Amino acid sequence: MNLPDMKKAKERTNKEVKYEELNHEYEEVFKGKKFFLKTYGCQMNVHDSEEIKFYLTSLGFVETEDMNDSDVVLLNTCAIRENAHDKVFGFLGRCKHLKREKPDLIIGVCGCMPQQESVVEELMKKHPYVDIVFGTHNIHELPKLLLKNNSKQDIEIYSIEGDVYENVKYNRDSKYTAWVNIMYGCDKFCTYCIVPYTRGKQRSRHLKEIVLEVEELKKDGYKEVTLLGQNVNAYGKDLNDSESFANLLEAVAKTNIERIRFVTSHPWDFTDEVIDVIAKYNNIMPYIHLPLQSGSNRILKLMGRRYTKEEYLTLFNKLKERIPNVSITTDIIVGFPNETEEDFQDTLDVVEECKYDGAFTFIYSPRNGTPASLMKDNISLEEKEERLHRLNEIVNKYSLINNQKYLNQTVKVLLIDKSEKSDTTACGYTETMKLVNVENAIDRIGQIVDVVITDAKSFSLNGKLK
């Protein structure tokens, strides 16, 4: 492969995917062939994989969970943390051995990692057996890439920006809950985050197109949608004034779909108007993921987060006061460059005050190309791990305390799948995003049911049908 030139960021345009381009020429080539798709990373990557699966099945491919039995292996990658990067390149070693046994196997790497020039260079030098490389904005080109590769042509796709595509179709992983992209990219440029460099600047879909997608999902029997974006409450800032997140949220609520969620929010963009809409509509679930990242004002400034600890707490308390029974979770990074014990104690103080329902906690991992990667990573791994352990002890304590409040209470649960606990137990989520395992409820999957909570643990609840 030859390293392509980086494409310049271009002016945002909306385009419609033309599925008639998936014609019989492709089907004759690929009908009956098998693909194996492995997904790393966030909800956005999972949703991208649903789009990839649609394209592949439209071409005549059949999905297989056995990589050894596949004709195409695709790795949909994440660039957020170093361990995700390492896992991908470790898995590529397995692909190399398989390609020796099956020379016609097509191996592709897509997602966020190929949006980094250094990764493409690494693929060229260390993994020349990779046939297809494409980024987060080129998924619609997959049929063309596979057809060209079938003719033994080397392919590489690498771009920073892309258009906003409407009429995108998906092979959704669930029949009851659905991701709905409302925007792509991010303009915040937090100093530790690679997302603006891998997914580009913020590009919002038009409100009417999102509402149409939700209406179609409701018509198809879906019970719940999650509005998805890197920073959902900044939605519409690249559009006109009428297309704000508050207006979008209200328009989606008026479709009367039974449940609405959204991820992920940035405290900087969380307006009173959005809070008012959440409080107004019963079908907007009282669950908010509100990343803190650090409780130290000094570290927040180094992170480029644009708010102070005090401003965050004011917002947190406002949400608690104005949205009945709201459940709030968060993200926290431990060991950011120059974080002192005093800075870390500020974070623990916020956790003690907020008593979160849950938290995703991470050790800081520098990503090449971000401003934070140029800062001296001056905290030892041992110190980072010790701080993470102390933080998790407090987080888990409050997760359990909050879950215990549900004991003997009746809650509404959308059952979405069979539980791993037993063949007769189903699992699903409360309105406040609590995972519940429900006895003798397999035949109720896909329904919202009343459940009496009988047991509470730090990360899940157990219950029985009322």
Protein backbone atom coordinates (compact mmCIF):
# COMPACT_ATOMS: atom_id res chain seq x y z
CA MET A 1 0.00 0.00 0.00
CA ASN A 2 1.08 3.57 -0.62
CA LEU A 3 0.39 6.16 2.03
CA PRO A 4 -2.27 8.53 0.65
CA ASP A 5 -2.21 12.25 1.16
CA MET A 6 -4.38 13.57 3.97
CA LYS A 7 -7.53 15.10 2.54
CA LYS A 8 -8.22 18.67 3.58
CA ALA A 9 -11.24 19.39 5.75
CA LYS A 10 -14.06 20.40 3.45
CA GLU A 11 -17.23 22.37 3.86
CA ARG A 12 -20.05 20.37 5.42
CA THR A 13 -22.65 19.00 3.00
CA ASN A 14 -25.52 16.57 3.39
CA LYS A 15 -25.68 13.67 0.96
CA GLU A 16 -27.97 10.70 0.63
CA VAL A 17 -26.63 7.17 0.35
CA LYS A 18 -27.84 5.59 -2.91
CA TYR A 19 -28.34 1.92 -2.16
CA GLU A 20 -29.24 1.11 -5.74
CA GLU A 21 -25.47 1.27 -6.30
CA LEU A 22 -25.33 -2.09 -4.49
CA ASN A 23 -26.20 -3.82 -7.74
CA HIS A 24 -26.10 -7.37 -9.06
CA GLU A 25 -22.48 -6.94 -10.12
CA TYR A 26 -21.49 -6.98 -6.46
CA GLU A 27 -23.91 -9.74 -5.51
CA GLU A 28 -22.56 -12.09 -8.17
CA VAL A 29 -19.04 -11.64 -6.81
CA PHE A 30 -19.76 -11.93 -3.09
CA LYS A 31 -22.93 -14.02 -2.70
CA GLY A 32 -22.46 -16.71 -0.05
CA LYS A 33 -19.08 -15.46 1.13
CA LYS A 34 -18.56 -14.99 4.85
CA PHE A 35 -17.34 -12.03 6.90
CA PHE A 36 -15.99 -11.76 10.44
CA LEU A 37 -16.27 -8.34 12.10
CA LYS A 38 -14.59 -7.45 15.39
CA THR A 39 -15.50 -4.15 17.06
CA TYR A 40 -13.45 -2.17 19.57
CA GLY A 41 -14.39 1.00 21.45
CA CYS A 42 -17.40 3.17 22.13
CA GLN A 43 -21.08 3.15 21.20
CA MET A 44 -20.24 5.09 18.03
CA ASN A 45 -18.00 2.25 16.87
CA VAL A 46 -20.71 -0.30 17.66
CA HIS A 47 -23.19 1.71 15.59
CA ASP A 48 -20.67 2.03 12.74
CA SER A 49 -20.39 -1.77 12.77
CA GLU A 50 -24.16 -2.03 12.35
CA GLU A 51 -23.78 0.04 9.16
CA ILE A 52 -20.87 -2.11 7.97
CA LYS A 53 -22.94 -5.26 8.51
CA PHE A 54 -25.74 -3.83 6.37
CA TYR A 55 -23.40 -3.16 3.47
CA LEU A 56 -21.84 -6.61 3.68
CA THR A 57 -25.13 -8.51 3.88
CA SER A 58 -26.49 -6.36 1.02
CA LEU A 59 -23.56 -7.59 -1.05
CA GLY A 60 -24.51 -11.19 -0.34
CA PHE A 61 -22.11 -11.85 2.52
CA VAL A 62 -23.12 -13.95 5.53
CA GLU A 63 -21.78 -13.08 9.00
CA THR A 64 -19.79 -15.71 10.87
CA GLU A 65 -18.44 -15.73 14.43
CA ASP A 66 -15.63 -18.08 13.35
CA MET A 67 -12.78 -16.03 11.91
CA ASN A 68 -11.17 -19.19 10.51
CA ASP A 69 -14.26 -19.76 8.35
CA SER A 70 -14.38 -16.24 6.88
CA ASP A 71 -13.52 -14.74 3.50
CA VAL A 72 -13.25 -11.20 4.87
CA VAL A 73 -11.95 -10.13 8.30
CA LEU A 74 -12.65 -6.53 9.35
CA LEU A 75 -11.40 -4.87 12.52
CA ASN A 76 -13.41 -1.76 13.46
CA THR A 77 -10.94 0.03 15.69
CA CYS A 78 -10.79 2.53 18.55
CA ALA A 79 -8.05 5.13 19.14
CA ILE A 80 -9.10 6.45 22.55
CA ARG A 81 -6.72 4.43 24.74
CA GLU A 82 -3.40 2.73 24.25
CA ASN A 83 -4.65 -0.71 25.29
CA ALA A 84 -7.24 -0.65 22.45
CA HIS A 85 -4.42 0.13 20.01
CA ASP A 86 -2.33 -2.74 21.37
CA LYS A 87 -5.24 -5.19 21.20
CA VAL A 88 -5.82 -4.42 17.51
CA PHE A 89 -2.22 -4.97 16.51
CA GLY A 90 -2.09 -8.10 18.65
CA PHE A 91 -5.16 -9.47 16.86
CA LEU A 92 -3.62 -8.65 13.48
CA GLY A 93 -0.93 -11.19 14.33
CA ARG A 94 -3.61 -13.88 14.34
CA CYS A 95 -4.90 -12.57 11.01
CA LYS A 96 -1.42 -12.85 9.51
CA HIS A 97 -1.21 -16.54 10.39
CA LEU A 98 -4.68 -17.15 8.95
CA LYS A 99 -3.79 -15.40 5.69
CA ARG A 100 -0.85 -17.76 5.23
CA GLU A 101 -3.36 -20.61 5.27
CA LYS A 102 -5.93 -18.70 3.16
CA PRO A 103 -4.09 -16.40 0.69
CA ASP A 104 -7.39 -15.10 -0.77
CA LEU A 105 -8.58 -13.85 2.63
CA ILE A 106 -9.29 -10.09 2.61
CA ILE A 107 -8.16 -8.33 5.80
CA GLY A 108 -9.39 -4.82 6.55
CA VAL A 109 -8.76 -2.26 9.27
CA CYS A 110 -11.30 0.54 9.68
CA GLY A 111 -12.64 2.93 12.30
CA CYS A 112 -10.75 5.55 14.28
CA MET A 113 -7.19 4.17 14.18
CA PRO A 114 -6.75 4.57 10.39
CA GLN A 115 -7.65 8.25 10.75
CA GLN A 116 -4.18 8.68 12.28
CA GLU A 117 -1.32 9.01 9.81
CA SER A 118 1.09 7.24 12.19
CA VAL A 119 -1.20 4.19 12.29
CA VAL A 120 -1.39 3.97 8.49
CA GLU A 121 2.41 4.13 8.36
CA GLU A 122 2.62 1.37 10.97
CA LEU A 123 0.21 -0.79 8.99
CA MET A 124 2.27 -0.32 5.84
CA LYS A 125 5.57 -1.18 7.48
CA LYS A 126 4.61 -3.94 9.91
CA HIS A 127 1.40 -5.39 8.47
CA PRO A 128 1.62 -5.29 4.65
CA TYR A 129 -0.79 -8.23 4.46
CA VAL A 130 -3.66 -5.87 5.38
CA ASP A 131 -5.63 -5.32 2.16
CA ILE A 132 -8.12 -2.58 2.97
CA VAL A 133 -7.79 0.47 5.20
CA PHE A 134 -10.62 2.99 5.57
CA GLY A 135 -11.65 5.56 8.13
CA THR A 136 -14.76 6.65 9.95
CA HIS A 137 -16.06 8.72 7.01
CA ASN A 138 -15.61 6.13 4.26
CA ILE A 139 -17.93 3.30 5.29
CA HIS A 140 -20.16 3.93 2.27
CA GLU A 141 -17.16 3.14 0.04
CA LEU A 142 -16.81 -0.41 1.41
CA PRO A 143 -18.60 -2.17 -1.52
CA LYS A 144 -16.29 -0.46 -4.02
CA LEU A 145 -13.22 -1.25 -1.95
CA LEU A 146 -14.09 -4.93 -1.69
CA LEU A 147 -14.83 -5.20 -5.40
CA LYS A 148 -11.50 -3.61 -6.30
CA ASN A 149 -9.66 -5.81 -3.85
CA ASN A 150 -11.34 -8.86 -5.32
CA SER A 151 -9.54 -7.88 -8.51
CA LYS A 152 -6.23 -7.91 -6.58
CA GLN A 153 -5.80 -4.14 -6.43
CA ASP A 154 -4.26 -2.60 -3.33
CA ILE A 155 -6.63 -0.22 -1.56
CA GLU A 156 -6.10 2.49 0.99
CA ILE A 157 -8.51 5.14 2.19
CA TYR A 158 -7.53 7.83 4.67
CA SER A 159 -9.48 11.00 5.29
CA ILE A 160 -10.03 13.55 8.02
CA GLU A 161 -13.41 14.90 7.06
CA GLY A 162 -16.45 13.56 5.32
CA ASP A 163 -19.95 14.61 4.39
CA VAL A 164 -23.02 13.93 6.49
CA TYR A 165 -24.86 11.02 4.92
CA GLU A 166 -28.61 10.53 5.32
CA ASN A 167 -30.71 7.47 4.48
CA VAL A 168 -28.04 5.27 6.09
CA LYS A 169 -29.24 1.73 6.76
CA TYR A 170 -28.12 -0.65 9.49
CA ASN A 171 -28.23 -4.29 10.51
CA ARG A 172 -29.11 -3.43 14.09
CA ASP A 173 -27.90 -5.68 16.87
CA SER A 174 -31.20 -5.40 18.73
CA LYS A 175 -34.87 -5.55 17.73
CA TYR A 176 -35.93 -3.37 20.66
CA THR A 177 -33.29 -0.68 21.24
CA ALA A 178 -31.54 1.39 18.58
CA TRP A 179 -28.69 3.87 18.29
CA VAL A 180 -29.53 7.02 16.31
CA ASN A 181 -26.62 9.18 15.22
CA ILE A 182 -27.47 12.86 15.55
CA MET A 183 -24.00 14.23 14.80
CA TYR A 184 -20.45 13.29 13.93
CA GLY A 185 -17.12 14.57 15.22
CA CYS A 186 -16.40 17.09 17.97
CA ASP A 187 -15.15 20.68 18.26
CA LYS A 188 -14.16 20.66 21.94
CA PHE A 189 -10.52 19.57 21.56
CA CYS A 190 -9.98 18.43 25.14
CA THR A 191 -6.21 18.14 25.38
CA TYR A 192 -6.18 14.38 26.05
CA CYS A 193 -8.76 13.39 23.42
CA ILE A 194 -8.03 12.03 19.95
CA VAL A 195 -11.66 12.15 18.74
CA PRO A 196 -11.54 15.54 16.93
CA TYR A 197 -8.57 14.22 14.97
CA THR A 198 -10.07 10.82 14.12
CA ARG A 199 -13.72 11.77 13.57
CA GLY A 200 -13.24 15.35 12.46
CA LYS A 201 -15.02 18.59 13.25
CA GLN A 202 -18.63 18.61 14.46
CA ARG A 203 -21.21 17.90 11.78
CA SER A 204 -24.86 17.68 12.83
CA ARG A 205 -27.61 15.90 10.94
CA HIS A 206 -30.75 17.89 10.23
CA LEU A 207 -33.49 17.63 12.85
CA LYS A 208 -36.19 16.50 10.44
CA GLU A 209 -34.04 13.58 9.20
CA ILE A 210 -33.41 12.39 12.77
CA VAL A 211 -37.10 12.57 13.64
CA LEU A 212 -37.98 10.61 10.49
CA GLU A 213 -35.51 7.88 11.52
CA VAL A 214 -37.03 7.66 15.00
CA GLU A 215 -40.55 7.49 13.55
CA GLU A 216 -39.48 4.62 11.30
CA LEU A 217 -37.93 2.79 14.25
CA LYS A 218 -41.12 3.22 16.25
CA LYS A 219 -43.14 1.88 13.31
CA ASP A 220 -40.81 -1.14 13.20
CA GLY A 221 -41.53 -1.93 16.86
CA TYR A 222 -38.52 -0.42 18.59
CA LYS A 223 -39.16 0.58 22.19
CA GLU A 224 -36.10 2.73 22.86
CA VAL A 225 -33.70 4.99 20.97
CA THR A 226 -30.42 6.44 22.15
CA LEU A 227 -29.41 9.69 20.47
CA LEU A 228 -25.72 9.32 19.80
CA GLY A 229 -22.85 11.76 19.40
CA GLN A 230 -19.43 12.57 20.79
CA ASN A 231 -20.99 15.61 22.47
CA VAL A 232 -24.74 15.40 21.97
CA ASN A 233 -25.77 18.59 23.73
CA ALA A 234 -23.63 20.63 21.33
CA TYR A 235 -25.93 19.34 18.57
CA GLY A 236 -26.95 21.98 16.03
CA LYS A 237 -24.27 24.56 16.81
CA ASP A 238 -23.02 24.10 13.23
CA LEU A 239 -26.58 24.54 11.89
CA ASN A 240 -29.22 27.22 12.36
CA ASP A 241 -30.69 28.45 15.65
CA SER A 242 -33.85 26.32 15.39
CA GLU A 243 -31.85 23.08 15.41
CA SER A 244 -30.63 22.99 19.01
CA PHE A 245 -30.36 19.90 21.17
CA ALA A 246 -33.31 21.06 23.30
CA ASN A 247 -35.48 21.41 20.17
CA LEU A 248 -34.33 18.04 18.83
CA LEU A 249 -34.98 16.29 22.12
CA GLU A 250 -38.49 17.74 22.28
CA ALA A 251 -39.22 16.80 18.65
CA VAL A 252 -38.11 13.21 19.28
CA ALA A 253 -40.19 13.06 22.47
CA LYS A 254 -43.26 14.10 20.47
CA THR A 255 -42.92 10.99 18.29
CA ASN A 256 -44.18 9.16 21.40
CA ILE A 257 -41.58 6.42 21.14
CA GLU A 258 -41.60 4.82 24.57
CA ARG A 259 -38.04 5.51 25.70
CA ILE A 260 -35.41 8.09 24.75
CA ARG A 261 -31.83 8.30 25.99
CA PHE A 262 -28.77 10.25 24.86
CA VAL A 263 -24.98 9.98 25.19
CA THR A 264 -22.58 11.62 25.76
CA SER A 265 -23.05 15.06 27.30
CA HIS A 266 -20.47 17.76 27.94
CA PRO A 267 -21.13 19.91 31.05
CA TRP A 268 -20.15 23.06 29.12
CA ASP A 269 -23.10 22.67 26.74
CA PHE A 270 -25.80 21.50 29.19
CA THR A 271 -28.40 24.29 29.04
CA ASP A 272 -31.42 25.03 31.21
CA GLU A 273 -33.58 24.51 28.11
CA VAL A 274 -32.36 20.92 27.80
CA ILE A 275 -33.06 20.29 31.49
CA ASP A 276 -36.58 21.71 31.07
CA VAL A 277 -37.31 19.37 28.14
CA ILE A 278 -36.04 16.30 30.02
CA ALA A 279 -38.21 17.18 33.01
CA LYS A 280 -41.25 17.82 30.79
CA TYR A 281 -41.47 14.50 28.91
CA ASN A 282 -41.97 11.13 30.60
CA ASN A 283 -40.52 9.24 27.64
CA ILE A 284 -37.12 10.94 28.08
CA MET A 285 -35.43 8.65 30.56
CA PRO A 286 -34.13 10.15 33.83
CA TYR A 287 -30.58 9.00 33.20
CA ILE A 288 -27.68 11.32 32.36
CA HIS A 289 -24.04 10.50 31.74
CA LEU A 290 -22.15 13.64 32.80
CA PRO A 291 -18.35 13.26 32.51
CA LEU A 292 -16.37 14.95 35.26
CA GLN A 293 -12.85 13.79 34.24
CA SER A 294 -11.26 15.55 37.23
CA GLY A 295 -12.35 17.40 40.35
CA SER A 296 -9.32 19.68 40.32
CA ASN A 297 -9.70 23.08 38.67
CA ARG A 298 -6.00 23.08 37.83
CA ILE A 299 -6.23 19.73 36.05
CA LEU A 300 -9.53 20.63 34.37
CA LYS A 301 -7.78 23.66 32.87
CA LEU A 302 -4.89 21.49 31.66
CA MET A 303 -7.46 19.14 30.15
CA GLY A 304 -9.18 22.01 28.30
CA ARG A 305 -12.56 21.08 29.79
CA ARG A 306 -13.93 24.70 29.91
CA TYR A 307 -15.66 24.40 33.30
CA THR A 308 -14.63 24.52 36.93
CA LYS A 309 -15.38 22.09 39.72
CA GLU A 310 -17.84 24.63 41.14
CA GLU A 311 -19.67 25.04 37.82
CA TYR A 312 -19.90 21.27 37.43
CA LEU A 313 -21.37 20.86 40.91
CA THR A 314 -23.90 23.64 40.25
CA LEU A 315 -25.08 21.80 37.13
CA PHE A 316 -25.11 18.44 38.92
CA ASN A 317 -27.30 19.80 41.73
CA LYS A 318 -29.61 21.51 39.25
CA LEU A 319 -30.17 18.18 37.46
CA LYS A 320 -30.89 16.46 40.77
CA GLU A 321 -33.37 19.15 41.79
CA ARG A 322 -35.28 19.50 38.50
CA ILE A 323 -35.43 15.92 37.18
CA PRO A 324 -37.24 13.56 39.57
CA ASN A 325 -35.40 10.30 40.34
CA VAL A 326 -32.54 11.15 37.97
CA SER A 327 -29.60 8.74 37.84
CA ILE A 328 -26.23 10.31 37.00
CA THR A 329 -23.04 8.51 35.99
CA THR A 330 -19.67 9.94 35.01
CA ASP A 331 -16.20 9.47 33.51
CA ILE A 332 -13.01 10.11 35.51
CA ILE A 333 -9.38 10.07 34.38
CA VAL A 334 -6.70 9.26 36.97
CA GLY A 335 -3.06 10.24 36.67
CA PHE A 336 -3.28 13.06 34.13
CA PRO A 337 0.14 14.76 33.70
CA ASN A 338 1.07 16.86 36.74
CA GLU A 339 -1.83 15.56 38.86
CA THR A 340 -0.74 15.87 42.48
CA GLU A 341 -2.16 14.05 45.47
CA GLU A 342 -4.03 17.25 46.30
CA ASP A 343 -5.55 17.35 42.80
CA PHE A 344 -6.60 13.72 43.14
CA GLN A 345 -8.13 14.41 46.53
CA ASP A 346 -10.25 17.14 44.88
CA THR A 347 -11.61 14.44 42.55
CA LEU A 348 -12.41 12.14 45.48
CA ASP A 349 -14.19 15.05 47.19
CA VAL A 350 -16.47 15.54 44.16
CA VAL A 351 -17.26 11.82 44.04
CA GLU A 352 -18.11 11.87 47.75
CA GLU A 353 -20.39 14.86 47.20
CA CYS A 354 -22.11 13.62 44.03
CA LYS A 355 -22.46 9.96 45.11
CA TYR A 356 -22.69 8.86 41.47
CA ASP A 357 -24.79 5.88 40.43
CA GLY A 358 -21.73 4.65 38.57
CA ALA A 359 -18.51 5.78 36.92
CA PHE A 360 -16.21 4.72 34.13
CA THR A 361 -12.73 5.25 35.55
CA PHE A 362 -9.50 5.22 33.55
CA ILE A 363 -5.78 5.60 33.98
CA TYR A 364 -4.54 8.40 31.72
CA SER A 365 -3.18 7.10 28.43
CA PRO A 366 -1.33 9.56 26.15
CA ARG A 367 -2.47 9.57 22.51
CA ASN A 368 -0.04 10.73 19.83
CA GLY A 369 -1.14 13.96 18.21
CA THR A 370 -2.98 15.41 21.21
CA PRO A 371 -1.67 18.41 23.19
CA ALA A 372 -1.54 16.32 26.38
CA SER A 373 0.88 13.88 24.73
CA LEU A 374 3.45 16.70 24.73
CA MET A 375 3.11 17.12 28.50
CA LYS A 376 5.51 15.20 30.70
CA ASP A 377 3.77 12.05 31.93
CA ASN A 378 5.36 12.42 35.35
CA ILE A 379 3.27 10.05 37.47
CA SER A 380 4.41 6.45 37.85
CA LEU A 381 2.16 3.59 36.82
CA GLU A 382 2.19 2.34 40.42
CA GLU A 383 0.88 5.69 41.66
CA LYS A 384 -1.80 5.78 38.94
CA GLU A 385 -2.96 2.26 39.80
CA GLU A 386 -3.07 3.06 43.52
CA ARG A 387 -5.20 6.15 42.88
CA LEU A 388 -7.50 4.21 40.57
CA HIS A 389 -7.99 1.58 43.28
CA ARG A 390 -8.89 4.23 45.88
CA LEU A 391 -11.28 5.92 43.46
CA ASN A 392 -13.01 2.68 42.50
CA GLU A 393 -13.58 1.76 46.13
CA ILE A 394 -15.59 4.96 46.63
CA VAL A 395 -17.41 4.68 43.28
CA ASN A 396 -18.42 1.08 44.00
CA LYS A 397 -19.56 2.00 47.51
CA TYR A 398 -22.05 4.55 46.18
CA SER A 399 -23.12 2.31 43.29
CA LEU A 400 -24.17 -0.28 45.85
CA ILE A 401 -25.86 2.27 48.13
CA ASN A 402 -27.84 3.70 45.21
CA ASN A 403 -28.83 0.25 43.98
CA GLN A 404 -29.99 -0.81 47.44
CA LYS A 405 -32.60 1.97 47.32
CA TYR A 406 -34.43 -0.17 44.72
CA LEU A 407 -34.92 -3.14 47.06
CA ASN A 408 -38.59 -4.17 47.29
CA GLN A 409 -39.50 -1.38 44.85
CA THR A 410 -41.48 -1.97 41.63
CA VAL A 411 -39.69 -0.61 38.57
CA LYS A 412 -40.33 -0.67 34.84
CA VAL A 413 -37.76 -2.74 32.93
CA LEU A 414 -37.34 -3.07 29.17
CA LEU A 415 -36.24 -6.68 28.72
CA ILE A 416 -33.80 -6.94 25.84
CA ASP A 417 -32.06 -10.33 26.00
CA LYS A 418 -31.54 -13.62 27.78
CA SER A 419 -29.41 -13.29 30.91
CA GLU A 420 -26.16 -15.20 31.32
CA LYS A 421 -27.39 -16.30 34.75
CA SER A 422 -29.77 -19.01 33.55
CA ASP A 423 -31.86 -20.12 30.58
CA THR A 424 -35.04 -18.86 32.24
CA THR A 425 -33.74 -15.42 33.27
CA ALA A 426 -34.05 -12.32 31.08
CA CYS A 427 -32.17 -9.05 31.47
CA GLY A 428 -32.95 -5.44 30.74
CA TYR A 429 -32.75 -1.89 32.02
CA THR A 430 -34.78 0.35 34.27
CA GLU A 431 -35.65 3.88 33.26
CA THR A 432 -32.59 4.98 35.28
CA MET A 433 -30.30 2.60 33.35
CA LYS A 434 -29.94 -0.06 36.06
CA LEU A 435 -29.24 -3.55 34.73
CA VAL A 436 -31.83 -6.02 36.06
CA ASN A 437 -31.87 -9.83 35.82
CA VAL A 438 -35.49 -11.02 35.94
CA GLU A 439 -36.48 -14.59 36.82
CA ASN A 440 -38.84 -16.58 34.57
CA ALA A 441 -39.20 -13.77 32.04
CA ILE A 442 -37.76 -15.18 28.81
CA ASP A 443 -41.16 -14.99 27.11
CA ARG A 444 -41.39 -11.26 27.95
CA ILE A 445 -38.24 -10.16 26.08
CA GLY A 446 -39.01 -7.07 24.01
CA GLN A 447 -41.59 -5.79 26.49
CA ILE A 448 -41.55 -3.15 29.23
CA VAL A 449 -42.62 -4.99 32.37
CA ASP A 450 -43.15 -4.25 36.06
CA VAL A 451 -40.45 -5.90 38.17
CA VAL A 452 -40.09 -6.16 41.94
CA ILE A 453 -36.41 -5.84 42.94
CA THR A 454 -35.34 -8.67 45.25
CA ASP A 455 -31.55 -8.22 45.40
CA ALA A 456 -29.10 -5.38 44.83
CA LYS A 457 -25.41 -5.57 43.95
CA SER A 458 -22.93 -2.85 42.95
CA PHE A 459 -23.40 -3.35 39.21
CA SER A 460 -26.81 -5.00 38.80
CA LEU A 461 -30.19 -5.78 40.35
CA ASN A 462 -32.19 -9.00 40.53
CA GLY A 463 -35.96 -9.11 40.40
CA LYS A 464 -39.14 -10.98 39.61
CA LEU A 465 -42.19 -10.13 37.53
CA LYS A 466 -44.89 -8.40 39.51
